[in-house]
Amino acid sequence: MPTLGTLGAGPAAASAPSAAEPVSALDRSARPLNDLNALGRMVGDARVVGLGEASHSAHEFFTLKQRLFRHLVATKGFTTFALESSWSTGLRLDAYVTRGIGEPAQIMRDEFQGQYVFWNTQEYLDLIQWMRRYNITHPDRPQLRFVGNDLGYAGPDAFDHVTDYLAVHRPDLAGRVGHLYAGLRPAAGTQAGPWMVAQLTKELPARRAEADRADAALALLRDRGRPRTAGRDSERAHAWALQNAAAITQSFTGYAFPDEQFPERMRFRDRAMAANTAWWLRHEGGRILLASNNGHIAYTSDNPDEFPEPTGAFLRARLGPDYVNIGLTFNQGTVNALPDFTAQRPRRYTVTPAPKGYNEHTLDKLRHRDFSIDLRTAPAAARTWLAAARPTRSYGLYWSADDPATALGRSYDILIHLHQVEAAHILR
């Protein structure tokens, strides 16, 4: 039975006929990756930048995300790093980044389990520790924030935000909401990985009943839970309580889909990730770098039978030009992946150079070893080639030799190609 967060590549689709390889045309638009100013110009004035990855666990993909985030913080006022991780996980890491609460390596061990095990890496620990140091050493600048936009684990921190709000602003509703949440809030010491597995092993009526109770608590808070006293602080507290209640509902609703409705579950998940990102932008402001899989930040799905509508499509519909996405490809190297859905620890796999007919085979012929390219402004010959779907490396949770057909120009605004990557350094 597939997990809620399955992002493995689907079967390769047939490649569309393509034009001759337009290496020279692509070369005219490519910029070396050490020129982050050129990449910043491609990003322009976007308020949310989706930065993908062709594998959930490659060192260069993760370090690139830190490099680009630091550059965008310094040059364009970005303040938030958003990650494809549970909303409640983001709350814990944000508390560390902004107030020094908790120990980041322990938080990551607790939270980055199951479908999120690939984030428990030295590379992400380095990023989170850098964000904390930045906030300490730059008290006069907008503080950096960390947010999780996904729904896999409904951790206790989200519940606590709701109940704390009720205790202060609406104690008359605390009992009713507490009754609805009874048995939903994970007990102390609960591990995220086993919790997610347990949710999927429950009988469908039980999962649906839990989703109904979570939704009833959200409706109560939304319809009758406004603060008794007016004011900016109380209104902000209510908005945060509503969002945490919504995140709880998203999680339990995601698990309430029957297995035969896997595509509908994935559409719901991508819509929720877009909604959570847009909520943060609207209520917390600033600019956001969203780190996720290529398949999520893209505009079109390369496996529509299982993953019908990506997060990127929902964000473009909500934000228009305020959303820009960047796809990542690579030619060869090593990556981490789970061998199958029963495995708990990833293994390292070798990826040989892309064969002829793959997008990466042509991209690796450009003069720069690693480069970025604005697909929107590439020469006509390049855009014709970019519009055709052809096999492209895509590794999600599970190792698979299937490579989906992707039309790069229809999926991304900007592309970054790396010649070689190595597996990320997963922490014990």
Protein backbone atom coordinates (compact mmCIF):
# COMPACT_ATOMS: atom_id res chain seq x y z
CA MET A 1 0.00 0.00 0.00
CA PRO A 2 1.56 3.34 -0.98
CA THR A 3 2.24 5.90 1.71
CA LEU A 4 0.59 9.29 1.71
CA GLY A 5 3.80 10.97 0.63
CA THR A 6 4.78 8.67 -2.23
CA LEU A 7 6.53 10.71 -4.87
CA GLY A 8 8.32 8.00 -6.83
CA ALA A 9 8.51 8.26 -10.55
CA GLY A 10 5.74 6.69 -12.55
CA PRO A 11 6.18 4.64 -15.72
CA ALA A 12 7.99 6.44 -18.49
CA ALA A 13 5.67 7.92 -21.05
CA ALA A 14 6.41 7.73 -24.75
CA SER A 15 8.65 10.56 -25.89
CA ALA A 16 7.22 13.05 -28.32
CA PRO A 17 9.14 13.68 -31.54
CA SER A 18 11.69 16.40 -30.86
CA ALA A 19 13.71 18.87 -32.85
CA ALA A 20 17.43 18.40 -33.31
CA GLU A 21 19.39 19.02 -30.15
CA PRO A 22 19.66 22.84 -29.88
CA VAL A 23 22.90 22.92 -27.89
CA SER A 24 24.09 26.22 -29.33
CA ALA A 25 20.72 27.89 -28.73
CA LEU A 26 20.64 26.69 -25.14
CA ASP A 27 24.25 27.79 -24.67
CA ARG A 28 23.34 31.36 -25.56
CA SER A 29 20.94 31.54 -22.61
CA ALA A 30 22.82 29.44 -20.04
CA ARG A 31 24.61 31.16 -17.17
CA PRO A 32 27.24 29.49 -14.98
CA LEU A 33 25.80 28.49 -11.63
CA ASN A 34 28.45 30.42 -9.72
CA ASP A 35 26.72 33.58 -11.02
CA LEU A 36 23.85 33.76 -8.55
CA ASN A 37 23.18 37.35 -9.56
CA ALA A 38 22.11 36.07 -12.98
CA LEU A 39 19.80 33.58 -11.28
CA GLY A 40 18.44 36.37 -9.10
CA ARG A 41 17.60 38.39 -12.21
CA MET A 42 15.68 35.40 -13.55
CA VAL A 43 13.70 35.21 -10.29
CA GLY A 44 12.81 38.89 -10.66
CA ASP A 45 10.17 40.22 -8.26
CA ALA A 46 8.55 36.88 -7.43
CA ARG A 47 7.40 36.57 -3.83
CA VAL A 48 7.44 32.75 -3.82
CA VAL A 49 10.17 30.79 -5.60
CA GLY A 50 9.65 27.04 -5.88
CA LEU A 51 13.02 25.27 -6.04
CA GLY A 52 12.75 21.63 -7.03
CA GLU A 53 15.03 18.60 -7.02
CA ALA A 54 15.29 15.54 -9.22
CA SER A 55 16.02 13.40 -6.17
CA HIS A 56 14.85 13.70 -2.59
CA SER A 57 18.38 13.14 -1.35
CA ALA A 58 21.34 14.62 -3.19
CA HIS A 59 23.99 16.72 -1.45
CA GLU A 60 24.30 19.31 -4.21
CA PHE A 61 20.55 19.87 -4.40
CA PHE A 62 20.38 20.62 -0.68
CA THR A 63 23.46 22.83 -0.56
CA LEU A 64 22.23 24.73 -3.60
CA LYS A 65 19.01 25.50 -1.74
CA GLN A 66 21.01 27.00 1.12
CA ARG A 67 23.24 28.97 -1.26
CA LEU A 68 20.29 30.39 -3.16
CA PHE A 69 18.31 31.16 0.00
CA ARG A 70 21.27 33.04 1.51
CA HIS A 71 21.68 34.97 -1.73
CA LEU A 72 17.98 35.86 -1.89
CA VAL A 73 17.99 36.92 1.77
CA ALA A 74 20.92 39.25 1.10
CA THR A 75 19.80 40.67 -2.25
CA LYS A 76 16.01 40.46 -2.42
CA GLY A 77 14.75 40.44 1.16
CA PHE A 78 13.60 36.84 1.33
CA THR A 79 12.73 35.84 4.89
CA THR A 80 11.14 32.37 4.84
CA PHE A 81 12.47 28.94 3.96
CA ALA A 82 9.52 26.61 3.31
CA LEU A 83 10.07 22.87 3.10
CA GLU A 84 7.98 19.92 1.98
CA SER A 85 7.51 18.80 5.58
CA SER A 86 4.62 18.69 8.01
CA TRP A 87 3.14 21.97 9.22
CA SER A 88 3.67 20.98 12.85
CA THR A 89 7.32 20.13 12.15
CA GLY A 90 7.75 23.63 10.76
CA LEU A 91 6.38 25.06 14.00
CA ARG A 92 9.09 23.31 16.02
CA LEU A 93 11.91 24.33 13.70
CA ASP A 94 10.62 27.90 13.47
CA ALA A 95 10.64 28.12 17.27
CA TYR A 96 14.32 27.20 17.20
CA VAL A 97 15.21 29.52 14.32
CA THR A 98 13.41 32.53 15.83
CA ARG A 99 13.71 31.96 19.60
CA GLY A 100 16.32 29.27 20.11
CA ILE A 101 13.79 26.80 21.55
CA GLY A 102 14.83 23.15 21.33
CA GLU A 103 17.81 21.43 19.77
CA PRO A 104 17.62 21.24 15.97
CA ALA A 105 19.30 17.85 15.51
CA GLN A 106 16.87 16.29 18.00
CA ILE A 107 13.88 17.98 16.39
CA MET A 108 14.99 16.62 13.03
CA ARG A 109 15.39 13.09 14.44
CA ASP A 110 11.90 13.31 15.94
CA GLU A 111 10.16 14.76 12.92
CA PHE A 112 12.02 13.75 9.78
CA GLN A 113 10.89 10.14 9.73
CA GLY A 114 8.91 7.96 7.35
CA GLN A 115 8.30 9.86 4.13
CA TYR A 116 10.39 12.77 5.48
CA VAL A 117 13.48 10.73 6.38
CA PHE A 118 15.39 12.31 3.51
CA TRP A 119 15.37 15.70 5.26
CA ASN A 120 17.27 14.37 8.30
CA THR A 121 20.61 15.34 6.79
CA GLN A 122 23.70 17.28 7.72
CA GLU A 123 22.91 19.63 4.85
CA TYR A 124 19.55 20.68 6.31
CA LEU A 125 20.97 20.86 9.83
CA ASP A 126 23.60 23.28 8.50
CA LEU A 127 20.88 25.42 6.93
CA ILE A 128 18.75 25.56 10.07
CA GLN A 129 21.74 26.42 12.25
CA TRP A 130 22.77 29.16 9.81
CA MET A 131 19.24 30.64 9.98
CA ARG A 132 19.47 30.77 13.77
CA ARG A 133 22.89 32.43 13.67
CA TYR A 134 21.61 34.98 11.16
CA ASN A 135 18.74 35.94 13.44
CA ILE A 136 21.06 36.34 16.40
CA THR A 137 23.61 38.44 14.53
CA HIS A 138 21.11 40.58 12.60
CA PRO A 139 18.59 41.74 15.22
CA ASP A 140 17.89 44.90 13.22
CA ARG A 141 16.76 42.99 10.12
CA PRO A 142 13.57 41.00 9.46
CA GLN A 143 13.91 37.64 11.17
CA LEU A 144 14.26 34.49 9.09
CA ARG A 145 11.45 31.97 9.44
CA PHE A 146 11.00 28.26 8.74
CA VAL A 147 7.70 26.72 7.65
CA GLY A 148 6.54 23.23 6.72
CA ASN A 149 3.77 23.25 4.11
CA ASP A 150 2.85 19.54 4.06
CA LEU A 151 0.29 17.39 5.88
CA GLY A 152 1.89 14.02 6.62
CA TYR A 153 2.11 14.30 10.41
CA ALA A 154 -0.34 16.16 12.63
CA GLY A 155 2.06 16.76 15.50
CA PRO A 156 1.14 18.05 18.97
CA ASP A 157 2.43 21.58 18.39
CA ALA A 158 -0.43 22.36 15.99
CA PHE A 159 -2.98 21.16 18.56
CA ASP A 160 -1.31 23.23 21.27
CA HIS A 161 -1.60 26.40 19.19
CA VAL A 162 -5.37 25.86 18.96
CA THR A 163 -5.93 24.99 22.61
CA ASP A 164 -3.69 27.84 23.83
CA TYR A 165 -5.74 30.30 21.80
CA LEU A 166 -8.99 28.98 23.23
CA ALA A 167 -7.69 29.12 26.79
CA VAL A 168 -6.95 32.83 26.42
CA HIS A 169 -9.64 34.09 24.03
CA ARG A 170 -12.52 31.59 24.04
CA PRO A 171 -12.47 29.36 27.12
CA ASP A 172 -16.19 28.71 26.61
CA LEU A 173 -15.32 26.63 23.53
CA ALA A 174 -12.28 24.85 24.94
CA GLY A 175 -14.26 21.88 26.24
CA ARG A 176 -16.05 21.21 22.98
CA VAL A 177 -12.90 21.47 20.89
CA GLY A 178 -11.03 19.34 23.41
CA HIS A 179 -13.71 16.66 23.09
CA LEU A 180 -13.44 16.70 19.29
CA TYR A 181 -9.64 16.46 19.48
CA ALA A 182 -9.66 13.66 22.06
CA GLY A 183 -7.51 10.83 20.72
CA LEU A 184 -6.30 12.87 17.74
CA ARG A 185 -3.43 14.74 19.38
CA PRO A 186 -0.38 12.42 19.41
CA ALA A 187 0.61 11.38 22.92
CA ALA A 188 3.92 12.45 24.44
CA GLY A 189 6.79 10.44 23.01
CA THR A 190 4.96 9.55 19.80
CA GLN A 191 7.32 9.13 16.85
CA ALA A 192 6.27 10.73 13.57
CA GLY A 193 7.19 7.75 11.39
CA PRO A 194 5.20 5.07 13.24
CA TRP A 195 2.28 7.52 13.64
CA MET A 196 2.02 7.98 9.87
CA VAL A 197 2.20 4.24 9.26
CA ALA A 198 -0.48 3.65 11.91
CA GLN A 199 -2.83 6.15 10.27
CA LEU A 200 -2.78 4.23 7.01
CA THR A 201 -3.34 0.88 8.70
CA LYS A 202 -6.54 2.01 10.42
CA GLU A 203 -9.85 0.92 8.96
CA LEU A 204 -11.29 3.45 6.55
CA PRO A 205 -14.39 4.26 8.70
CA ALA A 206 -12.10 5.13 11.61
CA ARG A 207 -9.98 7.39 9.43
CA ARG A 208 -13.06 9.15 8.11
CA ALA A 209 -14.46 9.60 11.61
CA GLU A 210 -11.21 11.24 12.73
CA ALA A 211 -11.26 13.56 9.74
CA ASP A 212 -14.86 14.51 10.52
CA ARG A 213 -13.96 15.39 14.13
CA ALA A 214 -10.99 17.49 13.03
CA ASP A 215 -13.17 19.30 10.50
CA ALA A 216 -15.87 19.92 13.11
CA ALA A 217 -13.29 21.55 15.41
CA LEU A 218 -12.12 23.75 12.52
CA ALA A 219 -15.70 24.77 11.70
CA LEU A 220 -16.40 25.63 15.33
CA LEU A 221 -13.30 27.77 15.56
CA ARG A 222 -14.06 29.46 12.25
CA ASP A 223 -17.76 30.09 12.77
CA ARG A 224 -17.96 30.79 16.50
CA GLY A 225 -14.39 31.18 17.70
CA ARG A 226 -13.55 34.81 17.06
CA PRO A 227 -11.88 36.53 20.03
CA ARG A 228 -14.12 38.33 22.52
CA THR A 229 -11.93 41.43 22.47
CA ALA A 230 -11.06 43.32 19.32
CA GLY A 231 -7.50 44.21 18.45
CA ARG A 232 -4.66 43.38 16.12
CA ASP A 233 -3.03 40.89 18.47
CA SER A 234 -6.21 38.95 19.17
CA GLU A 235 -7.14 38.85 15.48
CA ARG A 236 -3.67 37.57 14.65
CA ALA A 237 -3.99 34.91 17.35
CA HIS A 238 -7.32 33.81 15.84
CA ALA A 239 -5.84 33.63 12.34
CA TRP A 240 -3.00 31.45 13.63
CA ALA A 241 -5.38 29.19 15.53
CA LEU A 242 -7.51 28.78 12.41
CA GLN A 243 -4.49 27.89 10.30
CA ASN A 244 -3.30 25.29 12.80
CA ALA A 245 -6.79 23.81 12.97
CA ALA A 246 -6.84 23.76 9.17
CA ALA A 247 -3.47 21.97 9.09
CA ILE A 248 -4.79 19.33 11.51
CA THR A 249 -7.86 18.84 9.32
CA GLN A 250 -5.70 18.57 6.20
CA SER A 251 -3.68 15.78 7.75
CA PHE A 252 -6.58 13.65 8.90
CA THR A 253 -8.52 14.28 5.69
CA GLY A 254 -5.51 13.18 3.66
CA TYR A 255 -5.52 9.83 5.42
CA ALA A 256 -9.28 9.44 4.98
CA PHE A 257 -9.10 8.79 1.23
CA PRO A 258 -9.49 5.10 0.33
CA ASP A 259 -6.50 3.52 -1.36
CA GLU A 260 -8.27 3.32 -4.71
CA GLN A 261 -8.54 7.13 -4.64
CA PHE A 262 -4.79 7.67 -4.48
CA PRO A 263 -4.80 10.32 -7.25
CA GLU A 264 -7.51 12.27 -5.41
CA ARG A 265 -5.45 12.01 -2.21
CA MET A 266 -2.43 13.42 -4.01
CA ARG A 267 -4.43 16.27 -5.56
CA PHE A 268 -5.73 17.12 -2.09
CA ARG A 269 -2.20 17.04 -0.72
CA ASP A 270 -0.78 19.35 -3.41
CA ARG A 271 -3.68 21.76 -2.99
CA ALA A 272 -3.06 21.82 0.78
CA MET A 273 0.66 22.51 0.31
CA ALA A 274 -0.18 25.44 -1.95
CA ALA A 275 -2.80 26.74 0.50
CA ASN A 276 -0.38 26.60 3.44
CA THR A 277 2.32 28.41 1.46
CA ALA A 278 -0.12 31.09 0.32
CA TRP A 279 -1.45 31.50 3.87
CA TRP A 280 2.06 32.14 5.17
CA LEU A 281 2.72 34.70 2.44
CA ARG A 282 -0.53 36.51 3.16
CA HIS A 283 -0.23 36.56 6.97
CA GLU A 284 3.53 36.64 7.58
CA GLY A 285 4.63 38.59 4.51
CA GLY A 286 8.15 38.71 3.15
CA ARG A 287 9.27 36.37 0.40
CA ILE A 288 9.50 32.59 0.42
CA LEU A 289 11.88 30.02 -1.02
CA LEU A 290 9.87 26.79 -1.27
CA ALA A 291 12.03 23.64 -1.32
CA SER A 292 10.29 20.58 -2.68
CA ASN A 293 10.46 17.83 -5.29
CA ASN A 294 10.38 18.79 -8.98
CA GLY A 295 7.04 17.06 -9.24
CA HIS A 296 5.49 19.38 -6.65
CA ILE A 297 6.83 22.78 -7.69
CA ALA A 298 6.15 22.13 -11.40
CA TYR A 299 3.24 23.50 -13.42
CA THR A 300 2.41 20.19 -15.12
CA SER A 301 2.53 16.62 -13.86
CA ASP A 302 4.76 14.03 -15.50
CA ASN A 303 2.58 11.29 -13.99
CA PRO A 304 -1.00 12.62 -14.13
CA ASP A 305 -2.58 9.22 -13.50
CA GLU A 306 -1.23 9.23 -9.94
CA PHE A 307 -0.31 12.88 -9.31
CA PRO A 308 -2.92 14.89 -11.22
CA GLU A 309 -2.15 18.52 -10.30
CA PRO A 310 1.09 19.82 -8.75
CA THR A 311 1.47 22.36 -5.99
CA GLY A 312 3.04 24.70 -8.54
CA ALA A 313 -0.13 24.74 -10.64
CA PHE A 314 -2.20 25.71 -7.60
CA LEU A 315 0.30 28.41 -6.61
CA ARG A 316 0.35 29.89 -10.10
CA ALA A 317 -3.46 30.04 -10.06
CA ARG A 318 -3.39 31.77 -6.65
CA LEU A 319 -0.39 34.05 -7.04
CA GLY A 320 0.09 34.59 -10.76
CA PRO A 321 3.50 36.17 -11.50
CA ASP A 322 4.30 36.26 -7.77
CA TYR A 323 5.15 32.56 -8.14
CA VAL A 324 8.20 31.45 -10.14
CA ASN A 325 9.59 27.92 -10.18
CA ILE A 326 13.01 26.40 -10.79
CA GLY A 327 13.42 22.77 -11.86
CA LEU A 328 16.64 20.86 -11.10
CA THR A 329 18.17 18.17 -13.32
CA PHE A 330 21.44 16.24 -13.18
CA ASN A 331 23.39 13.90 -15.42
CA GLN A 332 25.04 11.36 -13.14
CA GLY A 333 26.14 10.52 -9.62
CA THR A 334 24.63 8.92 -6.52
CA VAL A 335 21.34 9.48 -4.67
CA ASN A 336 19.57 8.07 -1.63
CA ALA A 337 16.22 6.31 -1.97
CA LEU A 338 14.17 3.69 -0.17
CA PRO A 339 14.34 0.27 -1.86
CA ASP A 340 10.60 -0.32 -1.30
CA PHE A 341 7.68 0.87 0.83
CA THR A 342 8.55 -1.48 3.72
CA ALA A 343 12.05 -0.02 4.18
CA GLN A 344 12.84 2.43 6.97
CA ARG A 345 16.36 3.46 5.96
CA PRO A 346 17.39 4.75 2.53
CA ARG A 347 20.11 3.14 0.45
CA ARG A 348 22.60 4.77 -1.89
CA TYR A 349 22.11 4.19 -5.60
CA THR A 350 24.35 5.00 -8.56
CA VAL A 351 22.90 6.93 -11.50
CA THR A 352 24.88 6.46 -14.73
CA PRO A 353 25.15 9.21 -17.37
CA ALA A 354 21.87 9.94 -19.13
CA PRO A 355 21.44 8.02 -22.37
CA LYS A 356 20.69 9.60 -25.71
CA GLY A 357 17.11 10.83 -25.95
CA TYR A 358 16.97 12.05 -22.34
CA ASN A 359 16.71 15.74 -21.53
CA GLU A 360 19.84 15.48 -19.39
CA HIS A 361 21.86 13.98 -22.25
CA THR A 362 21.48 17.18 -24.24
CA LEU A 363 21.76 19.55 -21.26
CA ASP A 364 25.07 17.99 -20.27
CA LYS A 365 26.57 19.01 -23.64
CA LEU A 366 26.45 22.71 -22.84
CA ARG A 367 29.74 24.49 -22.22
CA HIS A 368 29.07 25.11 -18.51
CA ARG A 369 29.37 22.12 -16.19
CA ASP A 370 26.60 23.50 -13.93
CA PHE A 371 24.30 26.27 -15.13
CA SER A 372 20.96 28.04 -14.89
CA ILE A 373 18.78 29.03 -17.82
CA ASP A 374 15.60 31.10 -18.08
CA LEU A 375 13.32 28.87 -20.13
CA ARG A 376 10.89 31.72 -20.76
CA THR A 377 13.40 33.82 -22.70
CA ALA A 378 15.47 31.10 -24.39
CA PRO A 379 15.89 31.34 -28.19
CA ALA A 380 13.07 29.97 -30.33
CA ALA A 381 15.01 26.85 -31.32
CA ALA A 382 15.61 26.07 -27.67
CA ARG A 383 11.97 26.67 -26.72
CA THR A 384 10.83 24.25 -29.43
CA TRP A 385 13.09 21.57 -27.99
CA LEU A 386 12.04 22.40 -24.41
CA ALA A 387 8.35 22.01 -25.31
CA ALA A 388 8.72 18.32 -26.19
CA ALA A 389 8.36 15.63 -23.51
CA ARG A 390 11.24 13.18 -23.21
CA PRO A 391 12.57 10.93 -20.44
CA THR A 392 13.94 12.81 -17.44
CA ARG A 393 15.45 11.60 -14.16
CA SER A 394 13.00 11.79 -11.25
CA TYR A 395 13.61 9.99 -7.95
CA GLY A 396 11.13 10.32 -5.11
CA LEU A 397 10.81 8.17 -2.02
CA TYR A 398 11.52 4.86 -3.74
CA TRP A 399 14.20 3.75 -6.13
CA SER A 400 12.86 3.17 -9.62
CA ALA A 401 14.45 2.75 -13.04
CA ASP A 402 11.38 4.32 -14.67
CA ASP A 403 11.99 7.86 -15.90
CA PRO A 404 8.89 9.92 -16.71
CA ALA A 405 8.61 12.01 -19.85
CA THR A 406 8.84 15.69 -18.97
CA ALA A 407 8.48 18.79 -21.14
CA LEU A 408 10.86 21.13 -19.33
CA GLY A 409 9.52 24.30 -20.94
CA ARG A 410 5.95 23.54 -19.91
CA SER A 411 6.92 22.55 -16.38
CA TYR A 412 9.34 25.26 -15.22
CA ASP A 413 10.19 28.93 -15.60
CA ILE A 414 13.88 28.39 -14.86
CA LEU A 415 16.09 25.30 -15.03
CA ILE A 416 19.27 24.47 -13.15
CA HIS A 417 21.32 21.58 -14.47
CA LEU A 418 24.14 19.90 -12.53
CA HIS A 419 26.67 17.63 -14.17
CA GLN A 420 27.11 15.38 -11.14
CA VAL A 421 25.68 14.92 -7.65
CA GLU A 422 26.39 12.71 -4.67
CA ALA A 423 24.03 11.28 -2.10
CA ALA A 424 23.15 13.57 0.81
CA HIS A 425 24.57 12.85 4.27
CA ILE A 426 21.73 11.34 6.28
CA LEU A 427 22.09 11.65 10.05
CA ARG A 428 21.69 8.75 12.44
